[in-house]
């Protein structure tokens, strides 16, 4: 027993002392590590929790703003539609209103009150005839756009079930005046939004972020600090005002404003998301307990292990400890302060290299896009400060090389790189203390110039001078190792000064100006104007509408083609777009867009299929089975590799007689590869199809190509027919075209015939067929077939 006690006594046993010391060391280390980790973990967890609260509050506020703005936009568009089309009649208006309400469940009621406050139209027929002249939404909506705080339902309360048993039905009102032709207020359009929509937004956000309902408290206050919504909030917080709640130090709190841009006195709600620190940092307490227990347990284990092994290694360990102490002492004498300096120098060299790559273009040495954006932001900030004392303007000149893509593709990337370097060197001659040259990437360069202490007109004159210098630099060839290359450029400019803008806005404006310059024919200079931005938005919206229209909103109209006796011999299939809001849209607007985007190919194939199916229907009709249909074919369609196969497949599927289908080609279809076009035409002609050359006289009209093409018909363009009876030159051209067609053995058809005098003169010239408003406008198939039964077409 005494021997055992001796072994366990620290004062008498090295083994015990080693075990105890090692155990205590581990315990101390564990405690220190636990405290350190707790401190870091608590800070990180609190930051993460705060970030999560911020993100949650921001998402709730953003969603509310977006939903409100969407509803305001919908109501504004509906008001514009009702005012512009004058369809405030109850039946028509109710149809439009119910259509909008059915698409958005957030709407509780949408209605129109006349100028006296009497409801004339209402969704689901509610409140018709009710007097709302004393309602706030009517009074405010009659003056301008109005958006309200939530309020208890009054007139509509009995028509809706309560979302929560102990809460009344509540609405948020959106109202806007409807103006007449003389800008007088004819009515007020109002929408009541279900307030429980806000509850759904909050709940969905919490679910999306995987926050349990009990962990976060969400409150929404109005401008005065009164609560509009309280979710998971205890009774103590419910009775306190906004300032008291957000200043509670026991909670992690995030606030976010819900501010709408319109009307001017729009909402000023505050979203408050908070979480008790005890809940947010609960994981810290759990981790601390686990780490303390683990440290104590590991200390015991470590002491036991030390006890086992110390009996064998106690002496060697002591000896090694002495050696280690001596070694540590000796190593401390070896270290030199200069060692850190060397490391610092190497780090500085690396930092310098990284800085060079981060802020300057590797190829040209000019500032890169990132550095330019930093300078641009500084310039915008400078203009804001300068306006307090004096006027300072900045100009941006975006330079886009017109022919670089061709040179880079045909001559190789090495030549392209050399050309870019030469461009950069030439542009550097423009650089001074007020001017910075940057390369944005690819073949785009940008010149930013400061114009201090001058008016806008003076700054624009200076920009004009700089542009002329730039244009002059690009008017001469660039000389590089492999030769001389002429590479003109398109320029777009914008001014930075009084107007509020961001770097992205400034770049976007210059890019729009450059795009307009290229559209005008390249090697042009265009100054940014607001109409360019409006045109872009309109074009993008129009493009989106067009893509959505294919093919559900497209239809085929048919226009009659008659012979000299006025007998119907066929029709031309013409594609039309019937927009659900804008109605019938002119082909002159959407056909160029279809050609630009490549959508003309599927659209053209759809029209061709529709025409074939119509011919198939007529095959069994004795009255119409001999009619032909002409279909316009664009150059993009005809140049498709498998176009012939597509047509053959359609003919097989529909089983129509091929000679009943006539393809109208424009002269532009021959501009690319005449031999290939002629070969395709011959293959289709062998099948039995017929060809007409459309808009004859408006293209290059090479007689050699006409002689080679397997045509059946020439179509005289309506631009010549329009003035044929009044303009001797047009009459002479038409007469010559008809004679040319006859000489080549082709039939001739004239389009755009609108009067009997035009038809008579064309007949005297020998024209075979006619098409135009005089014989009938383009019509849907049912109207066209009905017109065929009339005596003039029978």
Foldseek 3Di string as FASTA:
>chain_A
DVVVVQCCDCVRHLLNVQLQVLLVVLLVVLLVVLVVCLVVVLVVLLVVVLVVQQVLQVQLLVVVQVVVVVVLVVLVVLLALCQVVVPPQAVVNQVVQQVVCVVDVQFPKKFKAFPQQATCYMHVPPRHRPRCNVPPQFVVQQVAWDKAAKDADDRCQVVDDDPDPPDGWIWIKTKHFRAHPVRHGGIMIMTTGTPCVSVVSSVVSCVVVVHDQQFKWKWKAWPVQQTPDTGNDDPVVNPDGPVVVQPDPQKSKDKDWNAHPPDPPTTTMIMIMIGGSCSSCVVSVVSSVVSSVVSSVVSNVSSVVSSVCCVPCVVVVVVVVVVVVVVVVVVVVVDDPVVVVVVVVVVVVVVVVVVQVVFADPLQRAGEQVNVQVVVQVQLVVLVVCVVPAFKKKKKKKKAWDCLVVCCVPVHVVVSSQVLNLLSVLCCVVDDPFWGWYAHDDRMIMIMGMDTRDDPVVVVVVVVVVVVVSLVSQQAWGQDDVGTHRIAIAIEMEMRHDDDDHSVVRVVQRVLQSVVRVVVPGSYYGYGDVVSVVVVVVVVVVLVQVVVVVPVQKAWWWFFKAWLLLATAATETDIWGQRPSPGTDDCVPCVVVCVVVVVCQVVQLVSVLVQLLVLLVCCPPPLRNRYAYEYEDELSNLPDPCNLVSVVVSCVVSVGQQCSYEYEYEPVSCVPPLVVSQVSQVVSVVSPHAYEHPCPPPDPNDPVSVLSHRHAEYEHELVLLVCLPPDVVSVVVLLVVCVVCVVSVHAYEYEADDDPVSSVSSVVSPHTMYTHPNSHDTGGPVVVVVVCPDPSHD
